[in-house]
Amino acid sequence: MDLLHTLGKSNVIPGGCVATVGNFDGVHRGHRAVLAQLQHHARELGLPSVVLIFEPQPLEYFQPESAPTRLSNFREKFSLLAGEGIDKLVCLRFQASLAAVSAEEFVQRLFVEAMGIRRIIIGDDFRFGQNREGDIQTLRRMGRQAGFDVIPVDSFSMKGERVSSSLVRQALSEHDFRKAASLLGRPYRICGRIRHGDKRGRQLGFPTANIALNRNRPPLHGVYAVYVRGLGETRYEGVANIGTRPVFDGEQLLLEVHILDYSDDIYGQHVEVEFLQYLRGEQKFASVDELRSQIARDINDAKALFASGKDK
């Protein structure tokens, strides 16, 4: 899948394309239904399939403190979309100049001039342009003028519920990982590169892999039983903490994973952490010894889960 970060005269998509636009946070089953339609129409016209996204996501720009938690960072989103067979991903920086563009100018500049869209596949609740003034009727009107078709896609539902990123976030907030996996079509995972930390875990007797979250607000917080993938062919069991390490007066959110029965040097490797079960919330202990004792209990709880087969 090709990646474009700008849409100037030098990289206009030749011959046009079939496109969709949105956040695609999590790339859940509802998104995949849109992507299936996108590819169907792209094949029908013999044109490339293109997904247009923005970083940061618009609500993260307008409301950074209250924007929804982020299911997938950019790298995860890229990998998931590439796995769906999309031809091109256009990721534009969302900033003041783009936020100020009117709906009509948004369509003319991006969809018509830069991308040459012949068909656009879109949900019926799509809004765009300054103050979210544009909607599907705006698209249809401009499509008739500019010569592109608008193909609406109905919401995708499961068991009477509309599948959405918000519903996935709700399932994760309730520690219902089975429901989250059903909505996503795969277990919920956070991916990232293992980096050097301050060796706190090693000093406590429980070395951890420190993984960059690369998102302002993850959807999980606390201690979890997890699987770790990406260290060769083996799937490893572990205990993960997402938090600020209050015992050490931390402020930055971190993902730390103690991989059970593993001691190799893995700095720099890219791994996937698959979340299985919530163990407890993050706590501030009175001493490092209390923290050490609790970590040992967390590890025993995770081992009992894996031994019971309830992680399946």
Protein backbone atom coordinates (compact mmCIF):
# COMPACT_ATOMS: atom_id res chain seq x y z
CA MET A 1 0.00 0.00 0.00
CA ASP A 2 1.41 3.38 -1.03
CA LEU A 3 1.45 6.19 1.52
CA LEU A 4 1.02 9.86 0.61
CA HIS A 5 1.41 12.66 3.16
CA THR A 6 0.71 15.53 0.75
CA LEU A 7 -1.50 16.09 -2.27
CA GLY A 8 0.29 18.66 -4.38
CA LYS A 9 0.65 18.91 -8.15
CA SER A 10 3.55 16.46 -8.11
CA ASN A 11 1.58 13.56 -6.63
CA VAL A 12 -1.96 13.95 -7.93
CA ILE A 13 -3.38 10.46 -8.43
CA PRO A 14 -3.25 9.97 -12.23
CA GLY A 15 -6.47 8.77 -13.82
CA GLY A 16 -8.49 9.28 -10.68
CA CYS A 17 -9.56 6.86 -7.96
CA VAL A 18 -12.35 5.46 -5.85
CA ALA A 19 -12.01 6.73 -2.30
CA THR A 20 -13.38 6.84 1.21
CA VAL A 21 -12.56 9.17 4.09
CA GLY A 22 -12.76 8.84 7.86
CA ASN A 23 -10.89 8.17 11.08
CA PHE A 24 -10.85 4.37 10.74
CA ASP A 25 -9.79 4.16 14.39
CA GLY A 26 -9.40 0.48 15.19
CA VAL A 27 -10.36 -0.65 11.64
CA HIS A 28 -13.29 -2.64 13.06
CA ARG A 29 -15.89 -4.75 11.23
CA GLY A 30 -17.94 -1.68 10.31
CA HIS A 31 -14.91 -0.07 8.70
CA ARG A 32 -14.13 -3.29 6.88
CA ALA A 33 -17.63 -3.30 5.39
CA VAL A 34 -16.90 0.17 3.95
CA LEU A 35 -13.51 -1.00 2.68
CA ALA A 36 -15.13 -4.01 0.97
CA GLN A 37 -17.47 -1.65 -0.89
CA LEU A 38 -14.52 0.58 -1.74
CA GLN A 39 -12.63 -2.28 -3.33
CA HIS A 40 -15.72 -3.54 -5.17
CA HIS A 41 -16.26 -0.18 -6.87
CA ALA A 42 -12.53 0.31 -7.52
CA ARG A 43 -12.40 -3.01 -9.34
CA GLU A 44 -15.57 -2.16 -11.27
CA LEU A 45 -13.97 1.07 -12.59
CA GLY A 46 -10.46 -0.32 -12.85
CA LEU A 47 -9.13 2.42 -10.55
CA PRO A 48 -7.03 2.40 -7.37
CA SER A 49 -8.76 2.22 -3.98
CA VAL A 50 -7.78 5.13 -1.73
CA VAL A 51 -8.41 5.82 1.96
CA LEU A 52 -8.07 9.41 3.20
CA ILE A 53 -7.36 9.95 6.91
CA PHE A 54 -6.03 12.80 9.04
CA GLU A 55 -3.42 13.03 11.81
CA PRO A 56 -4.19 14.09 14.39
CA GLN A 57 -7.78 12.99 14.13
CA PRO A 58 -10.00 16.10 13.96
CA LEU A 59 -11.39 15.82 17.50
CA GLU A 60 -7.84 15.44 18.82
CA TYR A 61 -7.07 18.77 17.18
CA PHE A 62 -10.18 20.60 18.39
CA GLN A 63 -10.52 18.98 21.83
CA PRO A 64 -7.17 17.43 22.79
CA GLU A 65 -8.09 16.94 26.46
CA SER A 66 -11.52 15.41 25.90
CA ALA A 67 -11.14 13.62 22.55
CA PRO A 68 -12.01 9.91 22.58
CA THR A 69 -9.28 7.49 23.55
CA ARG A 70 -7.31 6.20 20.61
CA LEU A 71 -7.75 2.54 19.62
CA SER A 72 -4.94 2.52 17.07
CA ASN A 73 -1.97 4.77 16.48
CA PHE A 74 -0.91 5.67 12.96
CA ARG A 75 1.44 2.70 12.46
CA GLU A 76 -1.22 0.24 13.64
CA LYS A 77 -3.82 1.84 11.40
CA PHE A 78 -1.48 1.71 8.40
CA SER A 79 -0.79 -1.98 8.98
CA LEU A 80 -4.49 -2.84 9.40
CA LEU A 81 -5.52 -0.95 6.26
CA ALA A 82 -2.68 -2.51 4.27
CA GLY A 83 -3.93 -5.90 5.41
CA GLU A 84 -7.29 -5.11 3.81
CA GLY A 85 -5.66 -4.74 0.39
CA ILE A 86 -6.09 -0.98 -0.02
CA ASP A 87 -3.97 0.50 -2.83
CA LYS A 88 -3.17 3.94 -1.39
CA LEU A 89 -3.42 5.64 1.98
CA VAL A 90 -3.50 9.45 2.01
CA CYS A 91 -2.71 10.83 5.47
CA LEU A 92 -2.94 14.61 5.71
CA ARG A 93 -1.93 16.69 8.70
CA PHE A 94 -5.02 18.19 10.33
CA GLN A 95 -4.18 21.78 11.28
CA ALA A 96 -5.69 25.26 11.39
CA SER A 97 -5.47 25.83 7.63
CA LEU A 98 -7.41 22.64 6.89
CA ALA A 99 -9.92 23.21 9.70
CA ALA A 100 -10.80 26.60 8.17
CA VAL A 101 -11.59 25.21 4.70
CA SER A 102 -15.26 25.38 3.73
CA ALA A 103 -17.10 22.22 2.73
CA GLU A 104 -17.22 23.25 -0.95
CA GLU A 105 -13.51 24.13 -1.02
CA PHE A 106 -12.68 20.86 0.78
CA VAL A 107 -14.40 18.86 -1.96
CA GLN A 108 -12.98 20.92 -4.82
CA ARG A 109 -9.39 21.01 -3.62
CA LEU A 110 -9.04 17.49 -2.21
CA PHE A 111 -11.59 15.29 -3.91
CA VAL A 112 -11.73 16.85 -7.37
CA GLU A 113 -8.37 18.54 -8.06
CA ALA A 114 -5.92 16.52 -5.95
CA MET A 115 -7.42 13.03 -5.92
CA GLY A 116 -9.59 12.97 -9.03
CA ILE A 117 -12.25 10.99 -7.22
CA ARG A 118 -14.66 9.19 -9.53
CA ARG A 119 -16.67 7.55 -6.76
CA ILE A 120 -16.66 8.17 -3.03
CA ILE A 121 -17.85 5.51 -0.58
CA ILE A 122 -19.10 7.13 2.60
CA GLY A 123 -21.28 6.59 5.65
CA ASP A 124 -24.52 8.58 5.76
CA ASP A 125 -23.34 10.40 8.93
CA PHE A 126 -20.16 11.80 7.35
CA ARG A 127 -19.55 15.50 8.06
CA PHE A 128 -16.72 17.68 6.76
CA GLY A 129 -15.51 21.22 6.18
CA GLN A 130 -15.42 24.24 8.47
CA ASN A 131 -17.77 23.78 11.44
CA ARG A 132 -18.72 20.37 9.98
CA GLU A 133 -21.04 22.18 7.57
CA GLY A 134 -20.77 19.61 4.79
CA ASP A 135 -22.79 16.39 4.71
CA ILE A 136 -23.75 13.68 2.25
CA GLN A 137 -26.21 16.01 0.51
CA THR A 138 -23.38 18.51 -0.04
CA LEU A 139 -21.31 15.71 -1.56
CA ARG A 140 -24.12 14.62 -3.86
CA ARG A 141 -24.72 18.17 -5.08
CA MET A 142 -21.04 18.77 -5.78
CA GLY A 143 -20.67 15.30 -7.26
CA ARG A 144 -23.31 16.11 -9.87
CA GLN A 145 -21.38 19.28 -10.75
CA ALA A 146 -17.89 17.73 -10.75
CA GLY A 147 -18.73 14.34 -12.20
CA PHE A 148 -18.22 11.91 -9.32
CA ASP A 149 -20.69 9.49 -7.75
CA VAL A 150 -21.52 9.25 -4.05
CA ILE A 151 -22.14 5.73 -2.75
CA PRO A 152 -23.60 5.69 0.79
CA VAL A 153 -22.89 2.69 3.02
CA ASP A 154 -25.37 1.67 5.69
CA SER A 155 -24.18 1.19 9.26
CA PHE A 156 -22.89 -2.30 10.05
CA SER A 157 -24.68 -3.92 13.00
CA MET A 158 -24.12 -6.99 15.16
CA LYS A 159 -26.79 -8.32 17.52
CA GLY A 160 -28.78 -5.15 17.03
CA GLU A 161 -25.89 -2.81 17.84
CA ARG A 162 -24.22 -0.46 15.36
CA VAL A 163 -20.55 -1.38 15.24
CA SER A 164 -18.46 1.72 15.91
CA SER A 165 -15.16 2.78 17.43
CA SER A 166 -17.16 4.14 20.38
CA LEU A 167 -18.71 0.72 20.99
CA VAL A 168 -15.26 -0.90 20.93
CA ARG A 169 -14.01 1.69 23.43
CA GLN A 170 -17.00 0.95 25.67
CA ALA A 171 -16.27 -2.79 25.59
CA LEU A 172 -12.63 -2.16 26.50
CA SER A 173 -13.59 0.23 29.32
CA GLU A 174 -15.79 -2.56 30.71
CA HIS A 175 -12.91 -5.06 30.32
CA ASP A 176 -15.05 -7.13 27.94
CA PHE A 177 -12.27 -8.29 25.64
CA ARG A 178 -14.42 -10.97 24.02
CA LYS A 179 -16.93 -8.38 22.86
CA ALA A 180 -14.16 -6.05 21.72
CA ALA A 181 -12.64 -8.89 19.68
CA SER A 182 -16.03 -9.67 18.15
CA LEU A 183 -16.51 -6.04 17.11
CA LEU A 184 -12.98 -5.72 15.75
CA GLY A 185 -12.84 -9.13 14.11
CA ARG A 186 -9.60 -9.86 16.01
CA PRO A 187 -8.28 -9.56 19.58
CA TYR A 188 -7.47 -6.06 20.76
CA ARG A 189 -3.74 -5.40 20.54
CA ILE A 190 -1.34 -2.51 21.09
CA CYS A 191 1.78 -2.62 18.97
CA GLY A 192 5.06 -0.81 19.44
CA ARG A 193 8.82 -0.89 19.57
CA ILE A 194 10.59 -1.92 22.75
CA ARG A 195 12.74 0.93 24.02
CA HIS A 196 15.11 1.53 26.88
CA GLY A 197 13.45 2.63 30.10
CA ASP A 198 14.82 3.54 33.51
CA LYS A 199 15.17 -0.15 34.53
CA ARG A 200 12.69 0.17 37.42
CA GLY A 201 11.25 -3.27 36.71
CA ARG A 202 14.66 -4.89 36.69
CA GLN A 203 15.48 -3.23 40.02
CA LEU A 204 12.26 -4.68 41.45
CA GLY A 205 13.17 -8.16 40.23
CA PHE A 206 10.62 -8.15 37.40
CA PRO A 207 12.23 -6.83 34.19
CA THR A 208 9.80 -5.22 31.78
CA ALA A 209 9.68 -4.41 28.08
CA ASN A 210 8.86 -0.72 27.72
CA ILE A 211 6.75 -0.09 24.64
CA ALA A 212 6.04 3.30 23.11
CA LEU A 213 2.29 3.96 23.04
CA ASN A 214 2.49 6.75 20.43
CA ARG A 215 -0.98 8.03 21.27
CA ASN A 216 -2.12 10.69 23.71
CA ARG A 217 -4.85 8.67 25.38
CA PRO A 218 -4.95 4.85 25.17
CA PRO A 219 -8.29 3.09 25.82
CA LEU A 220 -6.91 0.92 28.64
CA HIS A 221 -5.46 1.73 32.05
CA GLY A 222 -4.38 -0.77 34.68
CA VAL A 223 -2.84 -4.24 34.90
CA TYR A 224 -3.68 -7.04 32.45
CA ALA A 225 -2.85 -10.61 31.53
CA VAL A 226 -1.53 -10.51 27.96
CA TYR A 227 0.09 -12.39 25.13
CA VAL A 228 3.19 -10.96 23.46
CA ARG A 229 3.85 -11.69 19.79
CA GLY A 230 6.74 -10.70 17.56
CA LEU A 231 9.66 -12.34 19.36
CA GLY A 232 10.13 -15.16 16.88
CA GLU A 233 7.48 -17.80 16.31
CA THR A 234 6.55 -18.24 19.98
CA ARG A 235 3.57 -16.54 21.62
CA TYR A 236 4.65 -15.50 25.10
CA GLU A 237 2.49 -15.00 28.19
CA GLY A 238 2.91 -11.83 30.23
CA VAL A 239 1.58 -9.19 32.59
CA ALA A 240 1.19 -5.64 31.26
CA ASN A 241 0.69 -2.33 33.02
CA ILE A 242 -0.60 0.82 31.36
CA GLY A 243 -0.18 3.72 33.73
CA THR A 244 2.10 6.37 35.16
CA ARG A 245 3.84 4.35 37.93
CA PRO A 246 2.59 6.52 40.82
CA VAL A 247 5.01 4.94 43.32
CA PHE A 248 7.79 6.67 41.40
CA ASP A 249 5.76 9.87 40.86
CA GLY A 250 5.55 9.27 37.14
CA GLU A 251 3.50 11.49 34.84
CA GLN A 252 3.84 9.99 31.36
CA LEU A 253 1.61 7.05 30.42
CA LEU A 254 3.67 3.94 29.72
CA LEU A 255 3.03 0.40 28.52
CA GLU A 256 5.28 -2.00 30.41
CA VAL A 257 5.16 -5.78 29.94
CA HIS A 258 6.78 -8.42 32.10
CA ILE A 259 7.16 -11.41 29.78
CA LEU A 260 6.93 -14.66 31.74
CA ASP A 261 9.94 -16.97 31.53
CA TYR A 262 11.83 -14.74 29.08
CA SER A 263 15.17 -13.03 29.56
CA ASP A 264 16.69 -12.26 26.12
CA ASP A 265 17.77 -8.77 25.05
CA ILE A 266 14.87 -7.50 22.93
CA TYR A 267 15.47 -3.75 22.76
CA GLY A 268 14.46 -2.28 19.41
CA GLN A 269 12.12 -5.10 18.43
CA HIS A 270 8.55 -4.40 17.35
CA VAL A 271 5.96 -6.47 19.23
CA GLU A 272 2.19 -6.90 19.58
CA VAL A 273 0.61 -7.00 23.03
CA GLU A 274 -2.73 -8.82 23.01
CA PHE A 275 -4.98 -8.06 25.99
CA LEU A 276 -6.81 -10.99 27.56
CA GLN A 277 -8.08 -10.13 31.03
CA TYR A 278 -8.13 -7.21 33.43
CA LEU A 279 -6.35 -7.96 36.71
CA ARG A 280 -6.59 -4.71 38.68
CA GLY A 281 -6.41 -0.94 38.49
CA GLU A 282 -3.22 1.02 38.94
CA GLN A 283 -2.51 1.78 42.59
CA LYS A 284 -0.13 3.99 44.53
CA PHE A 285 1.61 1.86 47.13
CA ALA A 286 3.17 3.15 50.33
CA SER A 287 6.53 1.58 49.53
CA VAL A 288 8.53 -0.14 46.81
CA ASP A 289 8.32 -3.38 48.81
CA GLU A 290 4.52 -3.25 48.72
CA LEU A 291 4.67 -2.72 44.96
CA ARG A 292 7.06 -5.66 44.57
CA SER A 293 4.70 -7.93 46.53
CA GLN A 294 1.70 -6.84 44.43
CA ILE A 295 3.57 -7.49 41.17
CA ALA A 296 4.33 -11.00 42.38
CA ARG A 297 0.60 -11.51 43.07
CA ASP A 298 -0.27 -10.14 39.62
CA ILE A 299 2.10 -12.63 38.01
CA ASN A 300 0.60 -15.51 40.01
CA ASP A 301 -2.92 -14.41 39.02
CA ALA A 302 -1.91 -14.31 35.35
CA LYS A 303 -0.24 -17.72 35.56
CA ALA A 304 -3.38 -19.18 37.13
CA LEU A 305 -5.44 -17.72 34.26
CA PHE A 306 -3.16 -19.22 31.62
CA ALA A 307 -3.07 -22.58 33.43
CA SER A 308 -6.87 -22.69 33.66
CA GLY A 309 -7.29 -22.29 29.92
CA LYS A 310 -9.75 -19.40 30.45
CA ASP A 311 -7.54 -17.20 28.25
CA LYS A 312 -8.76 -19.15 25.21
